[in-house]
């Protein structure tokens, strides 16, 4: 279990405010994503949670413990993976799994940990140096979960994974957060990944939290729609879940939240000459949240 509380947290790096007066809580058994135009804001937050900066003193607590003052107690309970995390090149999967479990008294027993690895179709006898980048990334996350860490921080968690690998990994993280009542935070360049997997999206623009969005279900993906021509019924579209982000005499750009099929009848006007529909991007989302 990990309840994270942040109060009035600000942080400058090279005279740039990367965390601007953050006050926010993170409950256990949840997955939170950060949608931001400044990834360094989240990277900085993760370093503060790990107790590596004095600004965490009295501004961040983990289960009531000060993230900086009590860092010797809190830091070992946090799993962290970023884009530069690399597995050792020596030995095989079995050896790495065994040594990881031995280092953490709260970790799973070896047999159930091996079962998780096999579920990912990873051969325990595989040499670490021979694993693909996607499998290495999966294994890094598996190792965090088998240690039963109450707080896991991830930067670009499914980088280098194919669709199947990413799906497997998120299934593991969802099960892990729910069953162990752990807290997972992550940042991704892919807004679709956030919307499909987070319980909450926190919007951060230029270091300031601008909005929070709860996601009780994951049955739809925001779309960015660009409409060329005339006659598009903007007012009706807005009642259905559209937010206009650009409007010109012959072009309208909007973000639609919900099932895109609901919007399709409105795009059949005779004056419309072209329609482009793509998954919403982070920059589009930050224009409306």
C-alpha atoms as a PDB file:
ATOM      1  CA  UNK A   1       0.000   0.000   0.000  1.00  0.00           C
ATOM      2  CA  UNK A   2       1.300   3.459  -0.887  1.00  0.00           C
ATOM      3  CA  UNK A   3      -0.555   6.723  -0.416  1.00  0.00           C
ATOM      4  CA  UNK A   4       1.399   9.666  -1.805  1.00  0.00           C
ATOM      5  CA  UNK A   5       0.550  13.204  -0.716  1.00  0.00           C
ATOM      6  CA  UNK A   6       2.092  16.284  -2.311  1.00  0.00           C
ATOM      7  CA  UNK A   7       1.496  19.761  -0.930  1.00  0.00           C
ATOM      8  CA  UNK A   8       2.685  23.120  -2.300  1.00  0.00           C
ATOM      9  CA  UNK A   9       5.611  21.578  -4.180  1.00  0.00           C
ATOM     10  CA  UNK A  10       7.669  23.769  -6.509  1.00  0.00           C
ATOM     11  CA  UNK A  11      11.032  23.094  -8.117  1.00  0.00           C
ATOM     12  CA  UNK A  12      13.320  25.085 -10.432  1.00  0.00           C
ATOM     13  CA  UNK A  13      15.965  23.655 -12.752  1.00  0.00           C
ATOM     14  CA  UNK A  14      18.332  26.111 -14.415  1.00  0.00           C
ATOM     15  CA  UNK A  15      15.974  28.965 -13.470  1.00  0.00           C
ATOM     16  CA  UNK A  16      13.040  27.211 -15.140  1.00  0.00           C
ATOM     17  CA  UNK A  17      10.057  26.276 -12.969  1.00  0.00           C
ATOM     18  CA  UNK A  18       9.447  22.602 -13.777  1.00  0.00           C
ATOM     19  CA  UNK A  19       7.082  21.977 -10.840  1.00  0.00           C
ATOM     20  CA  UNK A  20       4.794  24.900 -10.141  1.00  0.00           C
ATOM     21  CA  UNK A  21       2.904  24.700  -6.829  1.00  0.00           C
ATOM     22  CA  UNK A  22       1.750  21.071  -7.011  1.00  0.00           C
ATOM     23  CA  UNK A  23      -0.827  19.880  -4.490  1.00  0.00           C
ATOM     24  CA  UNK A  24      -2.187  16.444  -5.285  1.00  0.00           C
ATOM     25  CA  UNK A  25      -2.760  13.015  -3.712  1.00  0.00           C
ATOM     26  CA  UNK A  26      -2.263   9.532  -5.152  1.00  0.00           C
ATOM     27  CA  UNK A  27      -4.298   6.725  -3.625  1.00  0.00           C
ATOM     28  CA  UNK A  28      -3.271   3.081  -3.399  1.00  0.00           C
ATOM     29  CA  UNK A  29      -4.466   0.514  -5.953  1.00  0.00           C
ATOM     30  CA  UNK A  30      -4.468   3.140  -8.721  1.00  0.00           C
ATOM     31  CA  UNK A  31      -2.581   3.867 -11.934  1.00  0.00           C
ATOM     32  CA  UNK A  32      -1.995   7.542 -12.754  1.00  0.00           C
ATOM     33  CA  UNK A  33      -0.629   8.957 -16.014  1.00  0.00           C
ATOM     34  CA  UNK A  34       0.906  12.364 -16.666  1.00  0.00           C
ATOM     35  CA  UNK A  35       0.026  14.146 -19.912  1.00  0.00           C
ATOM     36  CA  UNK A  36       2.555  16.933 -20.321  1.00  0.00           C
ATOM     37  CA  UNK A  37       4.463  19.057 -22.803  1.00  0.00           C
ATOM     38  CA  UNK A  38       7.454  19.045 -20.434  1.00  0.00           C
ATOM     39  CA  UNK A  39       8.443  15.439 -19.559  1.00  0.00           C
ATOM     40  CA  UNK A  40      11.224  16.803 -17.362  1.00  0.00           C
ATOM     41  CA  UNK A  41       8.535  17.917 -14.893  1.00  0.00           C
ATOM     42  CA  UNK A  42       7.549  14.304 -14.248  1.00  0.00           C
ATOM     43  CA  UNK A  43      11.140  13.062 -14.245  1.00  0.00           C
ATOM     44  CA  UNK A  44      11.897  15.668 -11.580  1.00  0.00           C
ATOM     45  CA  UNK A  45       8.874  14.584  -9.534  1.00  0.00           C
ATOM     46  CA  UNK A  46      10.073  10.982  -9.656  1.00  0.00           C
ATOM     47  CA  UNK A  47      13.506  12.006  -8.376  1.00  0.00           C
ATOM     48  CA  UNK A  48      11.863  13.888  -5.524  1.00  0.00           C
ATOM     49  CA  UNK A  49       9.739  10.856  -4.647  1.00  0.00           C
ATOM     50  CA  UNK A  50      12.959   8.842  -4.491  1.00  0.00           C
ATOM     51  CA  UNK A  51      14.234  11.337  -1.904  1.00  0.00           C
ATOM     52  CA  UNK A  52      17.058  12.664  -4.048  1.00  0.00           C
ATOM     53  CA  UNK A  53      16.230  16.371  -3.706  1.00  0.00           C
ATOM     54  CA  UNK A  54      15.761  18.504  -0.580  1.00  0.00           C
ATOM     55  CA  UNK A  55      12.637  20.096  -2.054  1.00  0.00           C
ATOM     56  CA  UNK A  56      10.825  16.895  -1.081  1.00  0.00           C
ATOM     57  CA  UNK A  57      11.212  17.815   2.601  1.00  0.00           C
ATOM     58  CA  UNK A  58       7.773  18.540   4.115  1.00  0.00           C
ATOM     59  CA  UNK A  59       6.163  18.669   0.641  1.00  0.00           C
ATOM     60  CA  UNK A  60       5.955  14.941  -0.228  1.00  0.00           C
ATOM     61  CA  UNK A  61       4.894  12.101   2.043  1.00  0.00           C
ATOM     62  CA  UNK A  62       4.624   8.380   1.375  1.00  0.00           C
ATOM     63  CA  UNK A  63       2.305   6.614   3.814  1.00  0.00           C
ATOM     64  CA  UNK A  64       2.930   9.468   6.216  1.00  0.00           C
ATOM     65  CA  UNK A  65       6.732   9.402   5.922  1.00  0.00           C
ATOM     66  CA  UNK A  66       8.678  12.409   4.645  1.00  0.00           C
ATOM     67  CA  UNK A  67      10.095  11.574   1.198  1.00  0.00           C
ATOM     68  CA  UNK A  68      13.409  13.299   1.954  1.00  0.00           C
ATOM     69  CA  UNK A  69      13.863  13.044   5.709  1.00  0.00           C
ATOM     70  CA  UNK A  70      12.795   9.388   5.796  1.00  0.00           C
ATOM     71  CA  UNK A  71      14.305   8.427   2.440  1.00  0.00           C
ATOM     72  CA  UNK A  72      16.254   5.498   3.904  1.00  0.00           C
ATOM     73  CA  UNK A  73      12.891   3.928   4.725  1.00  0.00           C
ATOM     74  CA  UNK A  74      10.882   5.030   1.692  1.00  0.00           C
ATOM     75  CA  UNK A  75      13.341   4.778  -1.212  1.00  0.00           C
ATOM     76  CA  UNK A  76      13.788   0.969  -1.012  1.00  0.00           C
ATOM     77  CA  UNK A  77       9.998   0.654  -1.344  1.00  0.00           C
ATOM     78  CA  UNK A  78       9.939   2.425  -4.706  1.00  0.00           C
ATOM     79  CA  UNK A  79      10.506   0.804  -8.094  1.00  0.00           C
ATOM     80  CA  UNK A  80      11.780   3.109 -10.826  1.00  0.00           C
ATOM     81  CA  UNK A  81      12.260   2.502 -14.532  1.00  0.00           C
ATOM     82  CA  UNK A  82      13.233   5.151 -17.056  1.00  0.00           C
ATOM     83  CA  UNK A  83      14.323   5.237 -20.692  1.00  0.00           C
ATOM     84  CA  UNK A  84      17.959   4.600 -19.798  1.00  0.00           C
ATOM     85  CA  UNK A  85      17.380   1.671 -17.438  1.00  0.00           C
ATOM     86  CA  UNK A  86      19.427  -1.308 -18.603  1.00  0.00           C
ATOM     87  CA  UNK A  87      19.545  -4.889 -17.432  1.00  0.00           C
ATOM     88  CA  UNK A  88      22.881  -6.446 -16.715  1.00  0.00           C
ATOM     89  CA  UNK A  89      24.333  -8.210 -19.756  1.00  0.00           C
ATOM     90  CA  UNK A  90      25.666 -11.098 -17.724  1.00  0.00           C
ATOM     91  CA  UNK A  91      23.921 -14.340 -16.863  1.00  0.00           C
ATOM     92  CA  UNK A  92      20.464 -15.593 -17.742  1.00  0.00           C
ATOM     93  CA  UNK A  93      16.894 -14.729 -16.797  1.00  0.00           C
ATOM     94  CA  UNK A  94      16.756 -17.376 -14.045  1.00  0.00           C
ATOM     95  CA  UNK A  95      19.878 -16.000 -12.363  1.00  0.00           C
ATOM     96  CA  UNK A  96      18.669 -12.419 -12.479  1.00  0.00           C
ATOM     97  CA  UNK A  97      15.243 -13.358 -11.108  1.00  0.00           C
ATOM     98  CA  UNK A  98      16.791 -15.364  -8.280  1.00  0.00           C
ATOM     99  CA  UNK A  99      19.228 -12.633  -7.253  1.00  0.00           C
ATOM    100  CA  UNK A 100      16.500  -9.968  -7.358  1.00  0.00           C
ATOM    101  CA  UNK A 101      14.252 -11.980  -5.044  1.00  0.00           C
ATOM    102  CA  UNK A 102      17.104 -12.695  -2.609  1.00  0.00           C
ATOM    103  CA  UNK A 103      17.782  -8.965  -2.236  1.00  0.00           C
ATOM    104  CA  UNK A 104      14.229  -8.168  -1.130  1.00  0.00           C
ATOM    105  CA  UNK A 105      12.716  -9.922   1.870  1.00  0.00           C
ATOM    106  CA  UNK A 106       9.188  -8.907   0.803  1.00  0.00           C
ATOM    107  CA  UNK A 107       9.507 -10.351  -2.684  1.00  0.00           C
ATOM    108  CA  UNK A 108       7.506 -13.236  -4.082  1.00  0.00           C
ATOM    109  CA  UNK A 109       8.837 -16.737  -3.664  1.00  0.00           C
ATOM    110  CA  UNK A 110      10.840 -18.002  -6.629  1.00  0.00           C
ATOM    111  CA  UNK A 111       8.222 -20.415  -7.967  1.00  0.00           C
ATOM    112  CA  UNK A 112       5.360 -17.888  -8.439  1.00  0.00           C
ATOM    113  CA  UNK A 113       7.860 -15.367  -9.825  1.00  0.00           C
ATOM    114  CA  UNK A 114       9.014 -17.925 -12.393  1.00  0.00           C
ATOM    115  CA  UNK A 115       5.381 -18.542 -13.315  1.00  0.00           C
ATOM    116  CA  UNK A 116       4.918 -14.838 -14.151  1.00  0.00           C
ATOM    117  CA  UNK A 117       7.998 -14.878 -16.377  1.00  0.00           C
ATOM    118  CA  UNK A 118       6.730 -17.957 -18.224  1.00  0.00           C
ATOM    119  CA  UNK A 119       3.352 -16.289 -18.794  1.00  0.00           C
ATOM    120  CA  UNK A 120       5.255 -13.731 -20.856  1.00  0.00           C
ATOM    121  CA  UNK A 121       6.780 -16.570 -22.907  1.00  0.00           C
ATOM    122  CA  UNK A 122      10.231 -15.659 -21.646  1.00  0.00           C
ATOM    123  CA  UNK A 123      12.590 -18.639 -21.379  1.00  0.00           C
ATOM    124  CA  UNK A 124      14.207 -18.683 -17.939  1.00  0.00           C
ATOM    125  CA  UNK A 125      17.402 -20.066 -19.473  1.00  0.00           C
ATOM    126  CA  UNK A 126      17.687 -17.234 -22.025  1.00  0.00           C
ATOM    127  CA  UNK A 127      20.883 -15.229 -21.863  1.00  0.00           C
ATOM    128  CA  UNK A 128      20.121 -11.620 -20.904  1.00  0.00           C
ATOM    129  CA  UNK A 129      22.407 -10.342 -23.652  1.00  0.00           C
ATOM    130  CA  UNK A 130      20.331 -12.201 -26.259  1.00  0.00           C
ATOM    131  CA  UNK A 131      16.922 -10.773 -25.307  1.00  0.00           C
ATOM    132  CA  UNK A 132      15.209  -8.297 -27.634  1.00  0.00           C
ATOM    133  CA  UNK A 133      14.767  -4.714 -26.411  1.00  0.00           C
ATOM    134  CA  UNK A 134      11.039  -5.281 -25.951  1.00  0.00           C
ATOM    135  CA  UNK A 135      11.544  -8.407 -23.827  1.00  0.00           C
ATOM    136  CA  UNK A 136      14.207  -6.647 -21.743  1.00  0.00           C
ATOM    137  CA  UNK A 137      11.725  -3.867 -21.059  1.00  0.00           C
ATOM    138  CA  UNK A 138       9.094  -6.404 -20.042  1.00  0.00           C
ATOM    139  CA  UNK A 139      11.529  -8.182 -17.749  1.00  0.00           C
ATOM    140  CA  UNK A 140      12.466  -4.915 -16.029  1.00  0.00           C
ATOM    141  CA  UNK A 141       8.814  -4.342 -15.122  1.00  0.00           C
ATOM    142  CA  UNK A 142       8.297  -7.962 -14.064  1.00  0.00           C
ATOM    143  CA  UNK A 143      11.244  -7.612 -11.680  1.00  0.00           C
ATOM    144  CA  UNK A 144       9.641  -4.535 -10.089  1.00  0.00           C
ATOM    145  CA  UNK A 145       6.376  -6.370  -9.506  1.00  0.00           C
ATOM    146  CA  UNK A 146       7.876  -9.570  -8.074  1.00  0.00           C
ATOM    147  CA  UNK A 147       9.573  -7.417  -5.417  1.00  0.00           C
ATOM    148  CA  UNK A 148       6.078  -6.330  -4.282  1.00  0.00           C
ATOM    149  CA  UNK A 149       7.075  -2.674  -4.173  1.00  0.00           C
ATOM    150  CA  UNK A 150       4.209  -0.411  -3.046  1.00  0.00           C
ATOM    151  CA  UNK A 151       5.105   2.421  -5.434  1.00  0.00           C
ATOM    152  CA  UNK A 152       6.234   2.003  -9.049  1.00  0.00           C
ATOM    153  CA  UNK A 153       7.378   4.917 -11.231  1.00  0.00           C
ATOM    154  CA  UNK A 154       7.658   4.361 -14.985  1.00  0.00           C
ATOM    155  CA  UNK A 155       8.917   6.550 -17.830  1.00  0.00           C
ATOM    156  CA  UNK A 156       7.851   5.326 -21.285  1.00  0.00           C
ATOM    157  CA  UNK A 157       7.070   1.855 -19.861  1.00  0.00           C
ATOM    158  CA  UNK A 158       6.303   0.071 -23.143  1.00  0.00           C
ATOM    159  CA  UNK A 159       9.056   1.628 -25.226  1.00  0.00           C
ATOM    160  CA  UNK A 160      10.435  -0.886 -27.776  1.00  0.00           C
ATOM    161  CA  UNK A 161       7.583  -3.326 -27.111  1.00  0.00           C
ATOM    162  CA  UNK A 162       5.252  -4.607 -29.812  1.00  0.00           C
ATOM    163  CA  UNK A 163       1.476  -4.482 -29.305  1.00  0.00           C
ATOM    164  CA  UNK A 164       1.253  -7.935 -27.748  1.00  0.00           C
ATOM    165  CA  UNK A 165       4.112  -7.258 -25.345  1.00  0.00           C
ATOM    166  CA  UNK A 166       2.603  -3.921 -24.299  1.00  0.00           C
ATOM    167  CA  UNK A 167      -0.816  -5.511 -23.714  1.00  0.00           C
ATOM    168  CA  UNK A 168       0.710  -8.268 -21.569  1.00  0.00           C
ATOM    169  CA  UNK A 169       2.671  -5.722 -19.553  1.00  0.00           C
ATOM    170  CA  UNK A 170      -0.337  -3.542 -18.811  1.00  0.00           C
ATOM    171  CA  UNK A 171      -2.391  -6.556 -17.786  1.00  0.00           C
ATOM    172  CA  UNK A 172       0.335  -7.397 -15.282  1.00  0.00           C
ATOM    173  CA  UNK A 173       0.477  -3.833 -13.937  1.00  0.00           C
ATOM    174  CA  UNK A 174      -3.306  -3.616 -13.562  1.00  0.00           C
ATOM    175  CA  UNK A 175      -3.434  -6.930 -11.694  1.00  0.00           C
ATOM    176  CA  UNK A 176      -0.460  -5.903  -9.573  1.00  0.00           C
ATOM    177  CA  UNK A 177      -1.890  -2.527  -8.526  1.00  0.00           C
ATOM    178  CA  UNK A 178      -5.262  -4.059  -7.672  1.00  0.00           C
ATOM    179  CA  UNK A 179      -4.096  -7.161  -5.806  1.00  0.00           C
ATOM    180  CA  UNK A 180      -1.255  -5.551  -3.839  1.00  0.00           C
ATOM    181  CA  UNK A 181      -2.944  -2.139  -3.416  1.00  0.00           C
ATOM    182  CA  UNK A 182       0.162  -0.549  -4.888  1.00  0.00           C
ATOM    183  CA  UNK A 183       0.405   2.802  -6.641  1.00  0.00           C
ATOM    184  CA  UNK A 184       1.689   3.114 -10.208  1.00  0.00           C
ATOM    185  CA  UNK A 185       2.603   6.409 -11.893  1.00  0.00           C
ATOM    186  CA  UNK A 186       3.772   6.704 -15.478  1.00  0.00           C
ATOM    187  CA  UNK A 187       4.518   9.073 -18.298  1.00  0.00           C
ATOM    188  CA  UNK A 188       4.213   8.212 -21.985  1.00  0.00           C
ATOM    189  CA  UNK A 189       4.586   9.983 -25.329  1.00  0.00           C
ATOM    190  CA  UNK A 190       1.463   8.114 -26.452  1.00  0.00           C
ATOM    191  CA  UNK A 191      -1.802   9.615 -25.214  1.00  0.00           C
ATOM    192  CA  UNK A 192      -3.699   6.525 -26.335  1.00  0.00           C
ATOM    193  CA  UNK A 193      -1.609   4.421 -23.956  1.00  0.00           C
ATOM    194  CA  UNK A 194      -2.563   6.734 -21.100  1.00  0.00           C
ATOM    195  CA  UNK A 195      -6.262   6.659 -21.908  1.00  0.00           C
ATOM    196  CA  UNK A 196      -6.343   2.886 -22.274  1.00  0.00           C
ATOM    197  CA  UNK A 197      -4.491   2.105 -19.053  1.00  0.00           C
ATOM    198  CA  UNK A 198      -4.706   4.881 -16.454  1.00  0.00           C
ATOM    199  CA  UNK A 199      -7.358   5.337 -13.796  1.00  0.00           C
ATOM    200  CA  UNK A 200      -6.593   9.048 -13.902  1.00  0.00           C
ATOM    201  CA  UNK A 201      -4.779  11.408 -16.259  1.00  0.00           C
ATOM    202  CA  UNK A 202      -3.062  14.441 -14.754  1.00  0.00           C
ATOM    203  CA  UNK A 203      -2.563  17.259 -17.246  1.00  0.00           C
ATOM    204  CA  UNK A 204       0.618  19.279 -16.715  1.00  0.00           C
ATOM    205  CA  UNK A 205       1.396  22.299 -18.889  1.00  0.00           C
ATOM    206  CA  UNK A 206       4.692  24.145 -18.443  1.00  0.00           C
ATOM    207  CA  UNK A 207       5.129  22.655 -14.988  1.00  0.00           C
ATOM    208  CA  UNK A 208       1.659  23.453 -13.636  1.00  0.00           C
ATOM    209  CA  UNK A 209      -1.166  20.974 -13.097  1.00  0.00           C
ATOM    210  CA  UNK A 210      -4.017  22.293 -15.243  1.00  0.00           C
ATOM    211  CA  UNK A 211      -6.568  19.510 -14.847  1.00  0.00           C
ATOM    212  CA  UNK A 212      -7.257  15.953 -13.710  1.00  0.00           C
ATOM    213  CA  UNK A 213      -9.435  13.458 -15.531  1.00  0.00           C
ATOM    214  CA  UNK A 214     -10.849  10.319 -13.980  1.00  0.00           C
ATOM    215  CA  UNK A 215     -11.237   7.326 -16.312  1.00  0.00           C
ATOM    216  CA  UNK A 216     -13.775   4.912 -14.798  1.00  0.00           C
ATOM    217  CA  UNK A 217     -13.850   2.949 -18.081  1.00  0.00           C
ATOM    218  CA  UNK A 218     -11.453   2.461 -20.987  1.00  0.00           C
ATOM    219  CA  UNK A 219     -13.964   1.836 -23.770  1.00  0.00           C
ATOM    220  CA  UNK A 220     -13.164   4.808 -26.008  1.00  0.00           C
ATOM    221  CA  UNK A 221     -10.180   6.812 -27.204  1.00  0.00           C
ATOM    222  CA  UNK A 222     -10.091  10.559 -27.831  1.00  0.00           C
ATOM    223  CA  UNK A 223      -9.802  11.432 -31.514  1.00  0.00           C
ATOM    224  CA  UNK A 224      -8.556  14.531 -33.298  1.00  0.00           C
ATOM    225  CA  UNK A 225     -10.789  15.321 -36.269  1.00  0.00           C
ATOM    226  CA  UNK A 226      -9.875  17.800 -39.010  1.00  0.00           C
ATOM    227  CA  UNK A 227     -12.775  18.805 -41.267  1.00  0.00           C
ATOM    228  CA  UNK A 228     -12.314  20.656 -44.549  1.00  0.00           C
ATOM    229  CA  UNK A 229     -15.316  22.378 -46.159  1.00  0.00           C
ATOM    230  CA  UNK A 230     -18.484  24.026 -44.903  1.00  0.00           C
ATOM    231  CA  UNK A 231     -21.705  23.107 -43.164  1.00  0.00           C
ATOM    232  CA  UNK A 232     -20.321  21.174 -40.201  1.00  0.00           C
ATOM    233  CA  UNK A 233     -22.796  21.593 -37.285  1.00  0.00           C
ATOM    234  CA  UNK A 234     -20.386  22.746 -34.573  1.00  0.00           C
ATOM    235  CA  UNK A 235     -22.990  23.380 -31.885  1.00  0.00           C
ATOM    236  CA  UNK A 236     -24.466  19.904 -32.246  1.00  0.00           C
ATOM    237  CA  UNK A 237     -21.005  18.330 -32.249  1.00  0.00           C
ATOM    238  CA  UNK A 238     -20.170  20.090 -28.977  1.00  0.00           C
ATOM    239  CA  UNK A 239     -23.264  18.638 -27.306  1.00  0.00           C
ATOM    240  CA  UNK A 240     -22.050  15.169 -28.335  1.00  0.00           C
ATOM    241  CA  UNK A 241     -18.581  15.559 -26.800  1.00  0.00           C
ATOM    242  CA  UNK A 242     -16.533  17.599 -29.279  1.00  0.00           C
ATOM    243  CA  UNK A 243     -14.198  20.416 -28.248  1.00  0.00           C
ATOM    244  CA  UNK A 244     -13.135  22.825 -30.981  1.00  0.00           C
ATOM    245  CA  UNK A 245      -9.408  23.603 -30.916  1.00  0.00           C
ATOM    246  CA  UNK A 246      -9.054  25.407 -34.280  1.00  0.00           C
ATOM    247  CA  UNK A 247     -11.667  27.100 -36.425  1.00  0.00           C
ATOM    248  CA  UNK A 248     -11.214  28.777 -39.821  1.00  0.00           C
ATOM    249  CA  UNK A 249     -13.661  29.598 -42.645  1.00  0.00           C
ATOM    250  CA  UNK A 250     -13.102  26.269 -44.413  1.00  0.00           C
ATOM    251  CA  UNK A 251     -11.385  24.106 -41.800  1.00  0.00           C
ATOM    252  CA  UNK A 252     -12.389  22.970 -38.325  1.00  0.00           C
ATOM    253  CA  UNK A 253     -10.214  20.944 -35.974  1.00  0.00           C
ATOM    254  CA  UNK A 254     -11.659  19.313 -32.884  1.00  0.00           C
ATOM    255  CA  UNK A 255     -10.994  16.720 -30.225  1.00  0.00           C
ATOM    256  CA  UNK A 256     -13.814  14.239 -29.741  1.00  0.00           C
ATOM    257  CA  UNK A 257     -14.177  12.361 -26.465  1.00  0.00           C
ATOM    258  CA  UNK A 258     -16.316   9.271 -26.787  1.00  0.00           C
ATOM    259  CA  UNK A 259     -17.159   6.694 -29.424  1.00  0.00           C
ATOM    260  CA  UNK A 260     -16.265   8.291 -32.760  1.00  0.00           C
ATOM    261  CA  UNK A 261     -19.174   6.560 -34.528  1.00  0.00           C
ATOM    262  CA  UNK A 262     -21.492   9.016 -32.749  1.00  0.00           C
ATOM    263  CA  UNK A 263     -19.894  11.858 -34.684  1.00  0.00           C
ATOM    264  CA  UNK A 264     -19.879  10.243 -38.133  1.00  0.00           C
ATOM    265  CA  UNK A 265     -23.415  11.283 -39.223  1.00  0.00           C
ATOM    266  CA  UNK A 266     -22.447  14.932 -38.694  1.00  0.00           C
ATOM    267  CA  UNK A 267     -19.574  14.514 -41.172  1.00  0.00           C
ATOM    268  CA  UNK A 268     -21.881  13.654 -44.076  1.00  0.00           C
ATOM    269  CA  UNK A 269     -22.796  17.254 -44.910  1.00  0.00           C
ATOM    270  CA  UNK A 270     -22.597  18.013 -48.663  1.00  0.00           C
ATOM    271  CA  UNK A 271     -20.292  20.980 -48.084  1.00  0.00           C
ATOM    272  CA  UNK A 272     -17.607  18.877 -46.380  1.00  0.00           C
ATOM    273  CA  UNK A 273     -14.871  17.869 -48.811  1.00  0.00           C
ATOM    274  CA  UNK A 274     -12.375  16.055 -46.556  1.00  0.00           C
ATOM    275  CA  UNK A 275     -12.248  14.495 -43.087  1.00  0.00           C
ATOM    276  CA  UNK A 276      -9.160  13.235 -41.251  1.00  0.00           C
ATOM    277  CA  UNK A 277      -9.514  11.269 -38.002  1.00  0.00           C
ATOM    278  CA  UNK A 278      -6.483  10.296 -35.915  1.00  0.00           C
ATOM    279  CA  UNK A 279      -5.836   9.365 -32.297  1.00  0.00           C
ATOM    280  CA  UNK A 280      -5.559  12.494 -30.142  1.00  0.00           C
ATOM    281  CA  UNK A 281      -2.046  13.762 -29.457  1.00  0.00           C
ATOM    282  CA  UNK A 282      -0.695  15.173 -26.210  1.00  0.00           C
ATOM    283  CA  UNK A 283      -0.489  18.716 -27.622  1.00  0.00           C
ATOM    284  CA  UNK A 284      -4.148  18.566 -28.663  1.00  0.00           C
ATOM    285  CA  UNK A 285      -5.244  17.326 -25.247  1.00  0.00           C
ATOM    286  CA  UNK A 286      -3.369  20.118 -23.478  1.00  0.00           C
ATOM    287  CA  UNK A 287      -5.340  22.656 -25.516  1.00  0.00           C
ATOM    288  CA  UNK A 288      -8.592  21.529 -23.895  1.00  0.00           C
ATOM    289  CA  UNK A 289      -7.572  20.355 -20.408  1.00  0.00           C
END
